[in-house]
Amino acid sequence: MLNKKRSSPNKRNNVLNNFVIIERHRKVFTKRLVYNGTKYKKLKHILGAIETEIITEALEKTGNKSEAIQLLGVSRRTFYHKIKKMRS
């Protein structure tokens, strides 16, 4: 994470370690999905929350989109796709 006051990589690893994953017929079942005290129904929702947090922090830190894109190391197209996804 960009801001050390928010969740750290260790905290994210702990979240992932709490998953009980059983793969059967290409389906993933989880027992507990919690991130920053919020319960989620699907893993992709947690990953979306983490992604939103990272993008928001990059924008706060840099103050503009072009610098945030450079800081994150993603393409402009990917960045704007993620922003659009965050808004919906």
PDB file of N, CA and C in Angstrom:
ATOM      1  N   MET A   1       0.842  -1.173   0.000  1.00  0.00           N
ATOM      2  CA  MET A   1       0.000   0.000   0.000  1.00  0.00           C
ATOM      3  C   MET A   1       0.889   1.237   0.000  1.00  0.00           C
ATOM      4  N   LEU A   2       0.351   2.309  -0.484  1.00  0.00           N
ATOM      5  CA  LEU A   2       1.108   3.536  -0.566  1.00  0.00           C
ATOM      6  C   LEU A   2       1.161   4.258   0.775  1.00  0.00           C
ATOM      7  N   ASN A   3       0.101   4.169   1.542  1.00  0.00           N
ATOM      8  CA  ASN A   3       0.010   4.852   2.819  1.00  0.00           C
ATOM      9  C   ASN A   3       0.113   3.808   3.927  1.00  0.00           C
ATOM     10  N   LYS A   4       1.123   3.913   4.761  1.00  0.00           N
ATOM     11  CA  LYS A   4       1.354   2.889   5.786  1.00  0.00           C
ATOM     12  C   LYS A   4       0.288   2.891   6.874  1.00  0.00           C
ATOM     13  N   LYS A   5      -0.512   3.969   6.982  1.00  0.00           N
ATOM     14  CA  LYS A   5      -1.566   4.011   7.989  1.00  0.00           C
ATOM     15  C   LYS A   5      -2.709   3.068   7.636  1.00  0.00           C
ATOM     16  N   ARG A   6      -2.873   2.767   6.361  1.00  0.00           N
ATOM     17  CA  ARG A   6      -3.922   1.844   5.934  1.00  0.00           C
ATOM     18  C   ARG A   6      -3.379   0.430   5.984  1.00  0.00           C
ATOM     19  N   SER A   7      -4.118  -0.506   5.430  1.00  0.00           N
ATOM     20  CA  SER A   7      -3.726  -1.909   5.525  1.00  0.00           C
ATOM     21  C   SER A   7      -2.367  -2.165   4.872  1.00  0.00           C
ATOM     22  N   SER A   8      -1.588  -2.988   5.512  1.00  0.00           N
ATOM     23  CA  SER A   8      -0.243  -3.314   5.045  1.00  0.00           C
ATOM     24  C   SER A   8      -0.281  -4.602   4.230  1.00  0.00           C
ATOM     25  N   PRO A   9       0.803  -4.887   3.481  1.00  0.00           N
ATOM     26  CA  PRO A   9       0.845  -6.166   2.757  1.00  0.00           C
ATOM     27  C   PRO A   9       0.647  -7.361   3.682  1.00  0.00           C
ATOM     28  N   ASN A  10       1.168  -7.275   4.913  1.00  0.00           N
ATOM     29  CA  ASN A  10       0.990  -8.381   5.863  1.00  0.00           C
ATOM     30  C   ASN A  10      -0.477  -8.581   6.201  1.00  0.00           C
ATOM     31  N   LYS A  11      -1.214  -7.472   6.333  1.00  0.00           N
ATOM     32  CA  LYS A  11      -2.635  -7.573   6.648  1.00  0.00           C
ATOM     33  C   LYS A  11      -3.380  -8.233   5.490  1.00  0.00           C
ATOM     34  N   ARG A  12      -3.012  -7.850   4.260  1.00  0.00           N
ATOM     35  CA  ARG A  12      -3.645  -8.472   3.088  1.00  0.00           C
ATOM     36  C   ARG A  12      -3.300  -9.953   3.033  1.00  0.00           C
ATOM     37  N   ASN A  13      -2.063 -10.307   3.364  1.00  0.00           N
ATOM     38  CA  ASN A  13      -1.670 -11.719   3.377  1.00  0.00           C
ATOM     39  C   ASN A  13      -2.464 -12.485   4.419  1.00  0.00           C
ATOM     40  N   ASN A  14      -2.708 -11.852   5.580  1.00  0.00           N
ATOM     41  CA  ASN A  14      -3.499 -12.495   6.617  1.00  0.00           C
ATOM     42  C   ASN A  14      -4.916 -12.762   6.128  1.00  0.00           C
ATOM     43  N   VAL A  15      -5.472 -11.812   5.376  1.00  0.00           N
ATOM     44  CA  VAL A  15      -6.807 -12.004   4.819  1.00  0.00           C
ATOM     45  C   VAL A  15      -6.812 -13.229   3.916  1.00  0.00           C
ATOM     46  N   LEU A  16      -5.819 -13.293   3.041  1.00  0.00           N
ATOM     47  CA  LEU A  16      -5.761 -14.421   2.114  1.00  0.00           C
ATOM     48  C   LEU A  16      -5.497 -15.733   2.834  1.00  0.00           C
ATOM     49  N   ASN A  17      -4.762 -15.686   3.933  1.00  0.00           N
ATOM     50  CA  ASN A  17      -4.498 -16.898   4.708  1.00  0.00           C
ATOM     51  C   ASN A  17      -5.740 -17.404   5.415  1.00  0.00           C
ATOM     52  N   ASN A  18      -6.730 -16.529   5.627  1.00  0.00           N
ATOM     53  CA  ASN A  18      -7.975 -16.939   6.281  1.00  0.00           C
ATOM     54  C   ASN A  18      -8.914 -17.693   5.349  1.00  0.00           C
ATOM     55  N   PHE A  19      -8.571 -17.741   4.094  1.00  0.00           N
ATOM     56  CA  PHE A  19      -9.426 -18.423   3.129  1.00  0.00           C
ATOM     57  C   PHE A  19      -9.276 -19.927   3.240  1.00  0.00           C
ATOM     58  N   VAL A  20     -10.383 -20.571   3.226  1.00  0.00           N
ATOM     59  CA  VAL A  20     -10.366 -22.027   3.110  1.00  0.00           C
ATOM     60  C   VAL A  20     -10.858 -22.291   1.695  1.00  0.00           C
ATOM     61  N   ILE A  21      -9.941 -22.761   0.851  1.00  0.00           N
ATOM     62  CA  ILE A  21     -10.287 -22.902  -0.557  1.00  0.00           C
ATOM     63  C   ILE A  21     -10.289 -24.370  -0.956  1.00  0.00           C
ATOM     64  N   ILE A  22     -11.364 -24.773  -1.526  1.00  0.00           N
ATOM     65  CA  ILE A  22     -11.487 -26.135  -2.036  1.00  0.00           C
ATOM     66  C   ILE A  22     -11.866 -26.010  -3.503  1.00  0.00           C
ATOM     67  N   GLU A  23     -11.060 -26.584  -4.367  1.00  0.00           N
ATOM     68  CA  GLU A  23     -11.357 -26.484  -5.790  1.00  0.00           C
ATOM     69  C   GLU A  23     -11.959 -27.787  -6.278  1.00  0.00           C
ATOM     70  N   ARG A  24     -13.175 -27.690  -6.790  1.00  0.00           N
ATOM     71  CA  ARG A  24     -13.854 -28.842  -7.376  1.00  0.00           C
ATOM     72  C   ARG A  24     -14.544 -28.387  -8.643  1.00  0.00           C
ATOM     73  N   HIS A  25     -14.292 -29.065  -9.693  1.00  0.00           N
ATOM     74  CA  HIS A  25     -14.943 -28.771 -10.974  1.00  0.00           C
ATOM     75  C   HIS A  25     -14.856 -27.288 -11.322  1.00  0.00           C
ATOM     76  N   ARG A  26     -13.659 -26.725 -11.127  1.00  0.00           N
ATOM     77  CA  ARG A  26     -13.349 -25.330 -11.446  1.00  0.00           C
ATOM     78  C   ARG A  26     -14.130 -24.307 -10.622  1.00  0.00           C
ATOM     79  N   LYS A  27     -14.642 -24.704  -9.494  1.00  0.00           N
ATOM     80  CA  LYS A  27     -15.343 -23.766  -8.618  1.00  0.00           C
ATOM     81  C   LYS A  27     -14.507 -23.568  -7.356  1.00  0.00           C
ATOM     82  N   VAL A  28     -14.500 -22.360  -6.850  1.00  0.00           N
ATOM     83  CA  VAL A  28     -13.775 -22.063  -5.625  1.00  0.00           C
ATOM     84  C   VAL A  28     -14.801 -21.722  -4.551  1.00  0.00           C
ATOM     85  N   PHE A  29     -14.720 -22.447  -3.442  1.00  0.00           N
ATOM     86  CA  PHE A  29     -15.609 -22.205  -2.316  1.00  0.00           C
ATOM     87  C   PHE A  29     -14.792 -21.574  -1.187  1.00  0.00           C
ATOM     88  N   THR A  30     -15.336 -20.608  -0.536  1.00  0.00           N
ATOM     89  CA  THR A  30     -14.629 -19.972   0.569  1.00  0.00           C
ATOM     90  C   THR A  30     -15.468 -20.039   1.840  1.00  0.00           C
ATOM     91  N   LYS A  31     -14.772 -20.134   2.943  1.00  0.00           N
ATOM     92  CA  LYS A  31     -15.452 -20.206   4.230  1.00  0.00           C
ATOM     93  C   LYS A  31     -15.663 -18.819   4.810  1.00  0.00           C
ATOM     94  N   ARG A  32     -14.649 -17.958   4.721  1.00  0.00           N
ATOM     95  CA  ARG A  32     -14.746 -16.644   5.343  1.00  0.00           C
ATOM     96  C   ARG A  32     -14.028 -15.627   4.470  1.00  0.00           C
ATOM     97  N   LEU A  33     -14.734 -14.566   4.112  1.00  0.00           N
ATOM     98  CA  LEU A  33     -14.161 -13.518   3.281  1.00  0.00           C
ATOM     99  C   LEU A  33     -14.306 -12.188   4.017  1.00  0.00           C
ATOM    100  N   VAL A  34     -13.239 -11.758   4.678  1.00  0.00           N
ATOM    101  CA  VAL A  34     -13.270 -10.513   5.449  1.00  0.00           C
ATOM    102  C   VAL A  34     -12.039  -9.692   5.109  1.00  0.00           C
ATOM    103  N   TYR A  35     -12.248  -8.401   4.854  1.00  0.00           N
ATOM    104  CA  TYR A  35     -11.137  -7.482   4.605  1.00  0.00           C
ATOM    105  C   TYR A  35     -11.469  -6.147   5.269  1.00  0.00           C
ATOM    106  N   ASN A  36     -10.589  -5.666   6.086  1.00  0.00           N
ATOM    107  CA  ASN A  36     -10.786  -4.411   6.829  1.00  0.00           C
ATOM    108  C   ASN A  36     -12.117  -4.391   7.575  1.00  0.00           C
ATOM    109  N   GLY A  37     -12.475  -5.525   8.139  1.00  0.00           N
ATOM    110  CA  GLY A  37     -13.681  -5.605   8.951  1.00  0.00           C
ATOM    111  C   GLY A  37     -14.973  -5.738   8.159  1.00  0.00           C
ATOM    112  N   THR A  38     -14.899  -5.798   6.850  1.00  0.00           N
ATOM    113  CA  THR A  38     -16.088  -5.917   6.015  1.00  0.00           C
ATOM    114  C   THR A  38     -16.160  -7.326   5.446  1.00  0.00           C
ATOM    115  N   LYS A  39     -17.343  -7.925   5.499  1.00  0.00           N
ATOM    116  CA  LYS A  39     -17.541  -9.266   4.958  1.00  0.00           C
ATOM    117  C   LYS A  39     -17.923  -9.152   3.478  1.00  0.00           C
ATOM    118  N   TYR A  40     -17.358 -10.033   2.680  1.00  0.00           N
ATOM    119  CA  TYR A  40     -17.643 -10.067   1.246  1.00  0.00           C
ATOM    120  C   TYR A  40     -18.141 -11.446   0.857  1.00  0.00           C
ATOM    121  N   LYS A  41     -18.941 -11.504  -0.188  1.00  0.00           N
ATOM    122  CA  LYS A  41     -19.473 -12.781  -0.648  1.00  0.00           C
ATOM    123  C   LYS A  41     -18.526 -13.496  -1.600  1.00  0.00           C
ATOM    124  N   LYS A  42     -17.716 -12.736  -2.342  1.00  0.00           N
ATOM    125  CA  LYS A  42     -16.831 -13.346  -3.337  1.00  0.00           C
ATOM    126  C   LYS A  42     -15.431 -12.759  -3.241  1.00  0.00           C
ATOM    127  N   LEU A  43     -14.444 -13.566  -3.600  1.00  0.00           N
ATOM    128  CA  LEU A  43     -13.048 -13.136  -3.597  1.00  0.00           C
ATOM    129  C   LEU A  43     -12.854 -11.929  -4.506  1.00  0.00           C
ATOM    130  N   LYS A  44     -13.511 -11.915  -5.659  1.00  0.00           N
ATOM    131  CA  LYS A  44     -13.333 -10.804  -6.590  1.00  0.00           C
ATOM    132  C   LYS A  44     -13.793  -9.483  -5.975  1.00  0.00           C
ATOM    133  N   HIS A  45     -14.727  -9.522  -5.033  1.00  0.00           N
ATOM    134  CA  HIS A  45     -15.167  -8.299  -4.363  1.00  0.00           C
ATOM    135  C   HIS A  45     -14.096  -7.766  -3.421  1.00  0.00           C
ATOM    136  N   ILE A  46     -13.392  -8.660  -2.752  1.00  0.00           N
ATOM    137  CA  ILE A  46     -12.289  -8.233  -1.889  1.00  0.00           C
ATOM    138  C   ILE A  46     -11.173  -7.643  -2.732  1.00  0.00           C
ATOM    139  N   LEU A  47     -10.836  -8.323  -3.820  1.00  0.00           N
ATOM    140  CA  LEU A  47      -9.778  -7.814  -4.692  1.00  0.00           C
ATOM    141  C   LEU A  47     -10.160  -6.456  -5.274  1.00  0.00           C
ATOM    142  N   GLY A  48     -11.428  -6.275  -5.584  1.00  0.00           N
ATOM    143  CA  GLY A  48     -11.909  -4.980  -6.063  1.00  0.00           C
ATOM    144  C   GLY A  48     -11.766  -3.897  -5.008  1.00  0.00           C
ATOM    145  N   ALA A  49     -12.043  -4.239  -3.754  1.00  0.00           N
ATOM    146  CA  ALA A  49     -11.900  -3.276  -2.657  1.00  0.00           C
ATOM    147  C   ALA A  49     -10.441  -2.878  -2.469  1.00  0.00           C
ATOM    148  N   ILE A  50      -9.538  -3.839  -2.552  1.00  0.00           N
ATOM    149  CA  ILE A  50      -8.109  -3.553  -2.416  1.00  0.00           C
ATOM    150  C   ILE A  50      -7.641  -2.690  -3.583  1.00  0.00           C
ATOM    151  N   GLU A  51      -8.074  -3.037  -4.774  1.00  0.00           N
ATOM    152  CA  GLU A  51      -7.720  -2.281  -5.976  1.00  0.00           C
ATOM    153  C   GLU A  51      -8.204  -0.831  -5.875  1.00  0.00           C
ATOM    154  N   THR A  52      -9.431  -0.645  -5.433  1.00  0.00           N
ATOM    155  CA  THR A  52      -9.994   0.694  -5.250  1.00  0.00           C
ATOM    156  C   THR A  52      -9.176   1.488  -4.246  1.00  0.00           C
ATOM    157  N   GLU A  53      -8.798   0.846  -3.161  1.00  0.00           N
ATOM    158  CA  GLU A  53      -7.999   1.502  -2.129  1.00  0.00           C
ATOM    159  C   GLU A  53      -6.637   1.940  -2.683  1.00  0.00           C
ATOM    160  N   ILE A  54      -6.008   1.081  -3.455  1.00  0.00           N
ATOM    161  CA  ILE A  54      -4.692   1.400  -4.027  1.00  0.00           C
ATOM    162  C   ILE A  54      -4.788   2.553  -5.010  1.00  0.00           C
ATOM    163  N   ILE A  55      -5.790   2.523  -5.892  1.00  0.00           N
ATOM    164  CA  ILE A  55      -5.960   3.594  -6.877  1.00  0.00           C
ATOM    165  C   ILE A  55      -6.271   4.911  -6.183  1.00  0.00           C
ATOM    166  N   THR A  56      -7.144   4.882  -5.194  1.00  0.00           N
ATOM    167  CA  THR A  56      -7.500   6.090  -4.453  1.00  0.00           C
ATOM    168  C   THR A  56      -6.280   6.686  -3.769  1.00  0.00           C
ATOM    169  N   GLU A  57      -5.473   5.849  -3.154  1.00  0.00           N
ATOM    170  CA  GLU A  57      -4.260   6.332  -2.491  1.00  0.00           C
ATOM    171  C   GLU A  57      -3.273   6.931  -3.483  1.00  0.00           C
ATOM    172  N   ALA A  58      -3.151   6.306  -4.652  1.00  0.00           N
ATOM    173  CA  ALA A  58      -2.248   6.835  -5.682  1.00  0.00           C
ATOM    174  C   ALA A  58      -2.712   8.210  -6.140  1.00  0.00           C
ATOM    175  N   LEU A  59      -4.021   8.370  -6.317  1.00  0.00           N
ATOM    176  CA  LEU A  59      -4.561   9.669  -6.723  1.00  0.00           C
ATOM    177  C   LEU A  59      -4.367  10.723  -5.635  1.00  0.00           C
ATOM    178  N   GLU A  60      -4.566  10.332  -4.388  1.00  0.00           N
ATOM    179  CA  GLU A  60      -4.369  11.270  -3.269  1.00  0.00           C
ATOM    180  C   GLU A  60      -2.904  11.678  -3.149  1.00  0.00           C
ATOM    181  N   LYS A  61      -2.022  10.729  -3.332  1.00  0.00           N
ATOM    182  CA  LYS A  61      -0.593  11.000  -3.180  1.00  0.00           C
ATOM    183  C   LYS A  61      -0.056  11.892  -4.296  1.00  0.00           C
ATOM    184  N   THR A  62      -0.468  11.618  -5.537  1.00  0.00           N
ATOM    185  CA  THR A  62       0.085  12.344  -6.680  1.00  0.00           C
ATOM    186  C   THR A  62      -0.678  13.610  -7.027  1.00  0.00           C
ATOM    187  N   GLY A  63      -1.971  13.602  -6.810  1.00  0.00           N
ATOM    188  CA  GLY A  63      -2.778  14.780  -7.126  1.00  0.00           C
ATOM    189  C   GLY A  63      -3.266  14.837  -8.562  1.00  0.00           C
ATOM    190  N   ASN A  64      -2.778  13.956  -9.435  1.00  0.00           N
ATOM    191  CA  ASN A  64      -3.335  13.915 -10.787  1.00  0.00           C
ATOM    192  C   ASN A  64      -3.242  12.505 -11.371  1.00  0.00           C
ATOM    193  N   LYS A  65      -4.061  12.279 -12.385  1.00  0.00           N
ATOM    194  CA  LYS A  65      -4.198  10.935 -12.947  1.00  0.00           C
ATOM    195  C   LYS A  65      -2.938  10.459 -13.663  1.00  0.00           C
ATOM    196  N   SER A  66      -2.295  11.333 -14.423  1.00  0.00           N
ATOM    197  CA  SER A  66      -1.101  10.924 -15.173  1.00  0.00           C
ATOM    198  C   SER A  66       0.006  10.428 -14.250  1.00  0.00           C
ATOM    199  N   GLU A  67       0.232  11.140 -13.149  1.00  0.00           N
ATOM    200  CA  GLU A  67       1.257  10.716 -12.195  1.00  0.00           C
ATOM    201  C   GLU A  67       0.834   9.445 -11.461  1.00  0.00           C
ATOM    202  N   ALA A  68      -0.451   9.307 -11.182  1.00  0.00           N
ATOM    203  CA  ALA A  68      -0.951   8.092 -10.529  1.00  0.00           C
ATOM    204  C   ALA A  68      -0.738   6.888 -11.432  1.00  0.00           C
ATOM    205  N   ILE A  69      -0.995   7.070 -12.731  1.00  0.00           N
ATOM    206  CA  ILE A  69      -0.786   5.989 -13.700  1.00  0.00           C
ATOM    207  C   ILE A  69       0.679   5.561 -13.694  1.00  0.00           C
ATOM    208  N   GLN A  70       1.554   6.535 -13.696  1.00  0.00           N
ATOM    209  CA  GLN A  70       2.996   6.245 -13.695  1.00  0.00           C
ATOM    210  C   GLN A  70       3.408   5.559 -12.388  1.00  0.00           C
ATOM    211  N   LEU A  71       2.910   6.053 -11.273  1.00  0.00           N
ATOM    212  CA  LEU A  71       3.225   5.463  -9.968  1.00  0.00           C
ATOM    213  C   LEU A  71       2.766   4.010  -9.890  1.00  0.00           C
ATOM    214  N   LEU A  72       1.584   3.736 -10.391  1.00  0.00           N
ATOM    215  CA  LEU A  72       1.034   2.383 -10.333  1.00  0.00           C
ATOM    216  C   LEU A  72       1.652   1.448 -11.369  1.00  0.00           C
ATOM    217  N   GLY A  73       2.233   2.021 -12.409  1.00  0.00           N
ATOM    218  CA  GLY A  73       2.866   1.192 -13.437  1.00  0.00           C
ATOM    219  C   GLY A  73       1.868   0.453 -14.310  1.00  0.00           C
ATOM    220  N   VAL A  74       0.717   1.081 -14.564  1.00  0.00           N
ATOM    221  CA  VAL A  74      -0.295   0.477 -15.429  1.00  0.00           C
ATOM    222  C   VAL A  74      -0.485   1.348 -16.668  1.00  0.00           C
ATOM    223  N   SER A  75      -1.117   0.788 -17.672  1.00  0.00           N
ATOM    224  CA  SER A  75      -1.386   1.570 -18.874  1.00  0.00           C
ATOM    225  C   SER A  75      -2.522   2.552 -18.608  1.00  0.00           C
ATOM    226  N   ARG A  76      -2.576   3.595 -19.409  1.00  0.00           N
ATOM    227  CA  ARG A  76      -3.652   4.587 -19.284  1.00  0.00           C
ATOM    228  C   ARG A  76      -5.007   3.904 -19.476  1.00  0.00           C
ATOM    229  N   ARG A  77      -5.078   3.006 -20.450  1.00  0.00           N
ATOM    230  CA  ARG A  77      -6.332   2.293 -20.733  1.00  0.00           C
ATOM    231  C   ARG A  77      -6.782   1.473 -19.523  1.00  0.00           C
ATOM    232  N   THR A  78      -5.848   0.741 -18.921  1.00  0.00           N
ATOM    233  CA  THR A  78      -6.171  -0.061 -17.738  1.00  0.00           C
ATOM    234  C   THR A  78      -6.633   0.827 -16.594  1.00  0.00           C
ATOM    235  N   PHE A  79      -5.925   1.929 -16.385  1.00  0.00           N
ATOM    236  CA  PHE A  79      -6.266   2.842 -15.297  1.00  0.00           C
ATOM    237  C   PHE A  79      -7.691   3.362 -15.456  1.00  0.00           C
ATOM    238  N   TYR A  80      -8.037   3.836 -16.637  1.00  0.00           N
ATOM    239  CA  TYR A  80      -9.373   4.386 -16.851  1.00  0.00           C
ATOM    240  C   TYR A  80     -10.446   3.304 -16.806  1.00  0.00           C
ATOM    241  N   HIS A  81     -10.105   2.106 -17.221  1.00  0.00           N
ATOM    242  CA  HIS A  81     -11.041   0.991 -17.101  1.00  0.00           C
ATOM    243  C   HIS A  81     -11.336   0.717 -15.614  1.00  0.00           C
ATOM    244  N   LYS A  82     -10.300   0.735 -14.794  1.00  0.00           N
ATOM    245  CA  LYS A  82     -10.479   0.496 -13.354  1.00  0.00           C
ATOM    246  C   LYS A  82     -11.288   1.618 -12.703  1.00  0.00           C
ATOM    247  N   ILE A  83     -11.039   2.863 -13.119  1.00  0.00           N
ATOM    248  CA  ILE A  83     -11.802   4.004 -12.578  1.00  0.00           C
ATOM    249  C   ILE A  83     -13.288   3.838 -12.934  1.00  0.00           C
ATOM    250  N   LYS A  84     -13.566   3.480 -14.176  1.00  0.00           N
ATOM    251  CA  LYS A  84     -14.934   3.291 -14.622  1.00  0.00           C
ATOM    252  C   LYS A  84     -15.599   2.173 -13.808  1.00  0.00           C
ATOM    253  N   LYS A  85     -14.858   1.101 -13.572  1.00  0.00           N
ATOM    254  CA  LYS A  85     -15.354  -0.032 -12.794  1.00  0.00           C
ATOM    255  C   LYS A  85     -15.633   0.385 -11.341  1.00  0.00           C
ATOM    256  N   MET A  86     -14.794   1.244 -10.790  1.00  0.00           N
ATOM    257  CA  MET A  86     -14.975   1.717  -9.410  1.00  0.00           C
ATOM    258  C   MET A  86     -16.257   2.533  -9.278  1.00  0.00           C
ATOM    259  N   ARG A  87     -16.606   3.285 -10.295  1.00  0.00           N
ATOM    260  CA  ARG A  87     -17.771   4.172 -10.255  1.00  0.00           C
ATOM    261  C   ARG A  87     -19.083   3.424 -10.420  1.00  0.00           C
ATOM    262  N   SER A  88     -19.036   2.224 -10.999  1.00  0.00           N
ATOM    263  CA  SER A  88     -20.290   1.496 -11.231  1.00  0.00           C
ATOM    264  C   SER A  88     -20.662   0.587 -10.085  1.00  0.00           C
TER     265      SER A  88
END
